Amino acid sequence: MALFRVDYTSGEIPERQSKLGLMLSRLQKISEEYNVAVFLTNQITSDLNHSLINDVDVKPVGGNILAHSTTTRIALKKEKGNVRIARVYDSPNLEEKETEFIITGGGIANPKNFDD
């Protein structure tokens, strides 16, 4: 998303969204043709129109074109120390929920299994 944000000014948003849609469509075709998962990362921005529900005042960049092109959306957030939170918030087959995790030399782990 960063490249799309840099290359287009605010007056060119429709063109940016159109090109983003084309790229996402290509990724969808690759996913279907080769039976592979496509993993997208995204940036967030301040949501000045949000009512601070659940202490969230940010929103994903990319608008509806990006939101509707994904199957499952997961928000990642840093907590105290090495603890992170992963929250499923948009998925057709997973309930909305969150879990804590840490990243160790051995991979992703439950922070409850480690001392602070």
N, C-alpha and C. Protein backbone atom coordinates (compact mmCIF):
# COMPACT_ATOMS: atom_id res chain seq x y z
N MET A 1 0.82 -1.19 0.00
CA MET A 1 0.00 0.00 0.00
C MET A 1 0.86 1.25 0.00
N ALA A 2 2.04 1.18 0.60
CA ALA A 2 2.90 2.35 0.69
C ALA A 2 3.21 2.92 -0.69
N LEU A 3 3.48 2.06 -1.66
CA LEU A 3 3.80 2.54 -3.00
C LEU A 3 2.62 3.26 -3.63
N PHE A 4 1.42 2.79 -3.37
CA PHE A 4 0.24 3.46 -3.90
C PHE A 4 0.02 4.81 -3.23
N ARG A 5 0.33 4.91 -1.95
CA ARG A 5 0.15 6.17 -1.24
C ARG A 5 1.15 7.22 -1.70
N VAL A 6 2.37 6.80 -1.99
CA VAL A 6 3.41 7.73 -2.42
C VAL A 6 3.16 8.23 -3.84
N ASP A 7 2.73 7.34 -4.71
CA ASP A 7 2.60 7.67 -6.13
C ASP A 7 1.37 8.51 -6.47
N TYR A 8 0.41 8.60 -5.57
CA TYR A 8 -0.82 9.31 -5.88
C TYR A 8 -1.13 10.37 -4.83
N THR A 9 -1.60 11.53 -5.29
CA THR A 9 -2.02 12.58 -4.37
C THR A 9 -3.48 12.37 -4.01
N SER A 10 -3.98 13.17 -3.07
CA SER A 10 -5.36 12.98 -2.62
C SER A 10 -6.37 13.20 -3.74
N GLY A 11 -6.05 14.02 -4.73
CA GLY A 11 -6.96 14.24 -5.85
C GLY A 11 -7.01 13.10 -6.84
N GLU A 12 -6.10 12.15 -6.69
CA GLU A 12 -6.03 11.02 -7.62
C GLU A 12 -6.50 9.71 -6.98
N ILE A 13 -7.28 9.81 -5.94
CA ILE A 13 -7.72 8.61 -5.22
C ILE A 13 -8.50 7.64 -6.12
N PRO A 14 -9.43 8.10 -6.96
CA PRO A 14 -10.13 7.13 -7.82
C PRO A 14 -9.18 6.33 -8.72
N GLU A 15 -8.18 7.00 -9.29
CA GLU A 15 -7.22 6.30 -10.13
C GLU A 15 -6.40 5.31 -9.30
N ARG A 16 -5.99 5.74 -8.10
CA ARG A 16 -5.23 4.86 -7.21
C ARG A 16 -6.04 3.62 -6.85
N GLN A 17 -7.31 3.81 -6.50
CA GLN A 17 -8.16 2.69 -6.13
C GLN A 17 -8.37 1.74 -7.30
N SER A 18 -8.48 2.29 -8.50
CA SER A 18 -8.65 1.46 -9.69
C SER A 18 -7.41 0.59 -9.92
N LYS A 19 -6.24 1.18 -9.82
CA LYS A 19 -5.00 0.40 -10.02
C LYS A 19 -4.81 -0.60 -8.89
N LEU A 20 -5.17 -0.22 -7.68
CA LEU A 20 -5.09 -1.16 -6.56
C LEU A 20 -6.03 -2.34 -6.80
N GLY A 21 -7.23 -2.05 -7.29
CA GLY A 21 -8.18 -3.11 -7.60
C GLY A 21 -7.65 -4.07 -8.65
N LEU A 22 -6.98 -3.55 -9.67
CA LEU A 22 -6.39 -4.41 -10.71
C LEU A 22 -5.32 -5.31 -10.12
N MET A 23 -4.48 -4.76 -9.26
CA MET A 23 -3.42 -5.56 -8.64
C MET A 23 -4.02 -6.65 -7.74
N LEU A 24 -5.03 -6.29 -6.97
CA LEU A 24 -5.67 -7.27 -6.09
C LEU A 24 -6.36 -8.36 -6.90
N SER A 25 -6.94 -7.99 -8.04
CA SER A 25 -7.57 -8.97 -8.92
C SER A 25 -6.53 -9.95 -9.46
N ARG A 26 -5.37 -9.45 -9.82
CA ARG A 26 -4.29 -10.33 -10.30
C ARG A 26 -3.85 -11.29 -9.21
N LEU A 27 -3.73 -10.78 -7.99
CA LEU A 27 -3.34 -11.65 -6.87
C LEU A 27 -4.39 -12.74 -6.65
N GLN A 28 -5.67 -12.38 -6.78
CA GLN A 28 -6.75 -13.36 -6.63
C GLN A 28 -6.64 -14.45 -7.68
N LYS A 29 -6.35 -14.07 -8.92
CA LYS A 29 -6.20 -15.06 -10.00
C LYS A 29 -5.01 -15.97 -9.76
N ILE A 30 -3.90 -15.42 -9.28
CA ILE A 30 -2.73 -16.24 -8.94
C ILE A 30 -3.09 -17.23 -7.85
N SER A 31 -3.80 -16.75 -6.84
CA SER A 31 -4.21 -17.61 -5.73
C SER A 31 -5.06 -18.78 -6.22
N GLU A 32 -6.00 -18.49 -7.09
CA GLU A 32 -6.89 -19.54 -7.60
C GLU A 32 -6.17 -20.48 -8.56
N GLU A 33 -5.35 -19.93 -9.45
CA GLU A 33 -4.68 -20.75 -10.45
C GLU A 33 -3.66 -21.70 -9.84
N TYR A 34 -2.93 -21.23 -8.86
CA TYR A 34 -1.86 -22.05 -8.27
C TYR A 34 -2.23 -22.63 -6.90
N ASN A 35 -3.47 -22.39 -6.46
CA ASN A 35 -3.96 -22.90 -5.19
C ASN A 35 -3.03 -22.53 -4.03
N VAL A 36 -2.71 -21.24 -3.95
CA VAL A 36 -1.84 -20.74 -2.89
C VAL A 36 -2.56 -19.61 -2.15
N ALA A 37 -2.17 -19.43 -0.91
CA ALA A 37 -2.69 -18.32 -0.12
C ALA A 37 -1.92 -17.06 -0.48
N VAL A 38 -2.61 -15.95 -0.47
CA VAL A 38 -1.98 -14.65 -0.66
C VAL A 38 -2.10 -13.91 0.66
N PHE A 39 -0.97 -13.49 1.17
CA PHE A 39 -0.91 -12.81 2.46
C PHE A 39 -0.55 -11.35 2.20
N LEU A 40 -1.44 -10.44 2.57
CA LEU A 40 -1.22 -9.01 2.37
C LEU A 40 -0.95 -8.35 3.71
N THR A 41 -0.02 -7.41 3.71
CA THR A 41 0.15 -6.55 4.87
C THR A 41 -0.30 -5.16 4.47
N ASN A 42 -0.63 -4.36 5.43
CA ASN A 42 -1.20 -3.06 5.15
C ASN A 42 -0.76 -2.06 6.19
N GLN A 43 -0.93 -0.81 5.87
CA GLN A 43 -0.68 0.27 6.82
C GLN A 43 -2.00 0.67 7.45
N ILE A 44 -1.89 1.43 8.53
CA ILE A 44 -3.08 2.00 9.16
C ILE A 44 -2.92 3.51 9.20
N THR A 45 -4.03 4.18 9.38
CA THR A 45 -4.02 5.64 9.48
C THR A 45 -5.02 6.05 10.55
N SER A 46 -4.90 7.27 11.04
CA SER A 46 -5.84 7.77 12.03
C SER A 46 -7.22 7.87 11.41
N ASP A 47 -8.22 7.50 12.19
CA ASP A 47 -9.61 7.59 11.76
C ASP A 47 -10.24 8.75 12.51
N LEU A 48 -10.27 9.92 11.89
CA LEU A 48 -10.78 11.11 12.56
C LEU A 48 -12.28 11.09 12.74
N ASN A 49 -12.99 10.21 12.03
CA ASN A 49 -14.44 10.12 12.14
C ASN A 49 -14.89 9.00 13.05
N HIS A 50 -13.97 8.30 13.67
CA HIS A 50 -14.28 7.13 14.49
C HIS A 50 -14.63 7.57 15.90
N SER A 51 -15.47 6.83 16.58
CA SER A 51 -15.92 7.20 17.92
C SER A 51 -15.10 6.55 19.02
N LEU A 52 -13.91 6.06 18.71
CA LEU A 52 -13.02 5.45 19.70
C LEU A 52 -13.62 4.23 20.38
N ILE A 53 -14.40 3.45 19.65
CA ILE A 53 -14.93 2.20 20.18
C ILE A 53 -13.77 1.24 20.40
N ASN A 54 -13.74 0.60 21.55
CA ASN A 54 -12.67 -0.34 21.90
C ASN A 54 -11.28 0.29 21.82
N ASP A 55 -11.18 1.58 22.13
CA ASP A 55 -9.90 2.30 22.12
C ASP A 55 -9.22 2.26 20.76
N VAL A 56 -9.97 2.08 19.70
CA VAL A 56 -9.38 2.02 18.36
C VAL A 56 -9.69 3.33 17.65
N ASP A 57 -8.64 4.04 17.28
CA ASP A 57 -8.84 5.26 16.52
C ASP A 57 -8.03 5.22 15.23
N VAL A 58 -7.82 4.02 14.72
CA VAL A 58 -7.10 3.83 13.47
C VAL A 58 -7.94 2.97 12.53
N LYS A 59 -7.62 3.06 11.25
CA LYS A 59 -8.31 2.23 10.26
C LYS A 59 -7.31 1.80 9.21
N PRO A 60 -7.55 0.68 8.55
CA PRO A 60 -6.65 0.23 7.49
C PRO A 60 -6.68 1.20 6.31
N VAL A 61 -5.55 1.38 5.68
CA VAL A 61 -5.45 2.18 4.47
C VAL A 61 -5.95 1.33 3.30
N GLY A 62 -6.49 1.93 2.29
CA GLY A 62 -6.88 1.19 1.09
C GLY A 62 -8.36 1.22 0.80
N GLY A 63 -9.15 1.64 1.77
CA GLY A 63 -10.58 1.78 1.53
C GLY A 63 -11.29 0.47 1.29
N ASN A 64 -12.48 0.59 0.72
CA ASN A 64 -13.34 -0.58 0.51
C ASN A 64 -12.77 -1.57 -0.49
N ILE A 65 -12.01 -1.08 -1.46
CA ILE A 65 -11.45 -1.99 -2.48
C ILE A 65 -10.56 -3.03 -1.83
N LEU A 66 -9.77 -2.63 -0.86
CA LEU A 66 -8.90 -3.57 -0.16
C LEU A 66 -9.70 -4.44 0.80
N ALA A 67 -10.64 -3.83 1.50
CA ALA A 67 -11.46 -4.57 2.46
C ALA A 67 -12.25 -5.69 1.78
N HIS A 68 -12.80 -5.41 0.60
CA HIS A 68 -13.64 -6.40 -0.08
C HIS A 68 -12.83 -7.40 -0.90
N SER A 69 -11.54 -7.17 -1.02
CA SER A 69 -10.69 -8.09 -1.78
C SER A 69 -10.04 -9.15 -0.90
N THR A 70 -10.26 -9.06 0.38
CA THR A 70 -9.65 -10.02 1.31
C THR A 70 -10.72 -10.92 1.90
N THR A 71 -10.32 -12.11 2.29
CA THR A 71 -11.26 -13.05 2.90
C THR A 71 -11.27 -12.91 4.41
N THR A 72 -10.11 -12.93 5.02
CA THR A 72 -10.00 -12.80 6.47
C THR A 72 -9.05 -11.67 6.80
N ARG A 73 -9.48 -10.79 7.69
CA ARG A 73 -8.64 -9.66 8.10
C ARG A 73 -8.26 -9.83 9.56
N ILE A 74 -6.97 -9.63 9.82
CA ILE A 74 -6.43 -9.77 11.17
C ILE A 74 -5.66 -8.50 11.50
N ALA A 75 -5.96 -7.91 12.64
CA ALA A 75 -5.24 -6.73 13.11
C ALA A 75 -4.20 -7.17 14.12
N LEU A 76 -2.99 -6.66 13.99
CA LEU A 76 -1.91 -6.96 14.92
C LEU A 76 -1.61 -5.71 15.73
N LYS A 77 -1.38 -5.90 17.03
CA LYS A 77 -1.13 -4.76 17.91
C LYS A 77 -0.07 -5.13 18.93
N LYS A 78 0.80 -4.19 19.24
CA LYS A 78 1.84 -4.42 20.25
C LYS A 78 1.28 -4.04 21.62
N GLU A 79 1.52 -4.90 22.58
CA GLU A 79 1.13 -4.65 23.96
C GLU A 79 2.39 -4.40 24.78
N LYS A 80 2.31 -4.58 26.09
CA LYS A 80 3.45 -4.37 26.97
C LYS A 80 4.53 -5.43 26.73
N GLY A 81 5.78 -5.00 26.82
CA GLY A 81 6.89 -5.93 26.67
C GLY A 81 6.91 -6.54 25.28
N ASN A 82 7.04 -7.85 25.24
CA ASN A 82 7.11 -8.56 23.96
C ASN A 82 5.76 -9.11 23.51
N VAL A 83 4.72 -8.82 24.27
CA VAL A 83 3.39 -9.37 23.97
C VAL A 83 2.75 -8.63 22.80
N ARG A 84 2.16 -9.39 21.91
CA ARG A 84 1.41 -8.86 20.77
C ARG A 84 -0.01 -9.42 20.84
N ILE A 85 -0.93 -8.75 20.16
CA ILE A 85 -2.31 -9.24 20.07
C ILE A 85 -2.67 -9.38 18.59
N ALA A 86 -3.26 -10.50 18.25
CA ALA A 86 -3.81 -10.73 16.91
C ALA A 86 -5.32 -10.81 17.06
N ARG A 87 -6.05 -9.97 16.31
CA ARG A 87 -7.50 -9.96 16.42
C ARG A 87 -8.12 -10.19 15.06
N VAL A 88 -8.89 -11.28 14.94
CA VAL A 88 -9.67 -11.53 13.73
C VAL A 88 -10.88 -10.61 13.81
N TYR A 89 -11.04 -9.75 12.81
CA TYR A 89 -12.19 -8.85 12.87
C TYR A 89 -13.04 -8.84 11.61
N ASP A 90 -12.66 -9.59 10.62
CA ASP A 90 -13.51 -9.67 9.43
C ASP A 90 -13.20 -10.98 8.72
N SER A 91 -14.09 -11.95 8.88
CA SER A 91 -13.88 -13.26 8.27
C SER A 91 -15.23 -13.94 8.07
N PRO A 92 -15.41 -14.61 6.93
CA PRO A 92 -16.67 -15.30 6.70
C PRO A 92 -16.82 -16.58 7.50
N ASN A 93 -15.71 -17.14 7.98
CA ASN A 93 -15.81 -18.43 8.67
C ASN A 93 -15.10 -18.49 10.02
N LEU A 94 -14.62 -17.36 10.51
CA LEU A 94 -14.02 -17.31 11.84
C LEU A 94 -14.74 -16.26 12.67
N GLU A 95 -14.99 -16.59 13.93
CA GLU A 95 -15.64 -15.61 14.79
C GLU A 95 -14.64 -14.51 15.15
N GLU A 96 -15.18 -13.34 15.47
CA GLU A 96 -14.32 -12.24 15.89
C GLU A 96 -13.78 -12.53 17.28
N LYS A 97 -12.47 -12.64 17.37
CA LYS A 97 -11.84 -12.86 18.67
C LYS A 97 -10.38 -12.48 18.58
N GLU A 98 -9.73 -12.40 19.73
CA GLU A 98 -8.32 -12.04 19.74
C GLU A 98 -7.54 -12.96 20.66
N THR A 99 -6.23 -12.99 20.44
CA THR A 99 -5.35 -13.81 21.26
C THR A 99 -4.01 -13.10 21.42
N GLU A 100 -3.37 -13.36 22.54
CA GLU A 100 -2.04 -12.81 22.78
C GLU A 100 -0.99 -13.80 22.29
N PHE A 101 0.15 -13.28 21.85
CA PHE A 101 1.26 -14.13 21.45
C PHE A 101 2.56 -13.37 21.63
N ILE A 102 3.66 -14.12 21.64
CA ILE A 102 4.98 -13.52 21.62
C ILE A 102 5.78 -14.19 20.51
N ILE A 103 6.79 -13.49 20.05
CA ILE A 103 7.67 -14.04 19.02
C ILE A 103 8.98 -14.40 19.70
N THR A 104 9.35 -15.67 19.60
CA THR A 104 10.58 -16.16 20.23
C THR A 104 11.53 -16.66 19.14
N GLY A 105 12.71 -17.07 19.56
CA GLY A 105 13.66 -17.66 18.62
C GLY A 105 13.12 -18.92 17.98
N GLY A 106 12.18 -19.58 18.67
CA GLY A 106 11.59 -20.80 18.14
C GLY A 106 10.30 -20.59 17.37
N GLY A 107 9.85 -19.34 17.27
CA GLY A 107 8.62 -19.05 16.54
C GLY A 107 7.61 -18.30 17.38
N ILE A 108 6.34 -18.48 17.09
CA ILE A 108 5.26 -17.82 17.81
C ILE A 108 4.85 -18.69 18.98
N ALA A 109 4.65 -18.06 20.16
CA ALA A 109 4.34 -18.83 21.37
C ALA A 109 3.30 -18.10 22.21
N ASN A 110 2.70 -18.85 23.11
CA ASN A 110 1.76 -18.32 24.09
C ASN A 110 2.56 -17.63 25.18
N PRO A 111 2.30 -16.34 25.46
CA PRO A 111 3.08 -15.64 26.48
C PRO A 111 2.88 -16.20 27.88
N LYS A 112 1.78 -16.91 28.10
CA LYS A 112 1.53 -17.49 29.42
C LYS A 112 2.50 -18.62 29.74
N ASN A 113 3.17 -19.14 28.72
CA ASN A 113 4.14 -20.21 28.92
C ASN A 113 5.55 -19.70 29.19
N PHE A 114 5.71 -18.36 29.26
CA PHE A 114 7.02 -17.76 29.45
C PHE A 114 6.97 -16.77 30.60
N ASP A 115 8.09 -16.64 31.32
CA ASP A 115 8.19 -15.63 32.37
C ASP A 115 8.51 -14.29 31.73
N ASP A 116 8.06 -13.22 32.38
CA ASP A 116 8.36 -11.88 31.86
C ASP A 116 9.80 -11.52 32.05
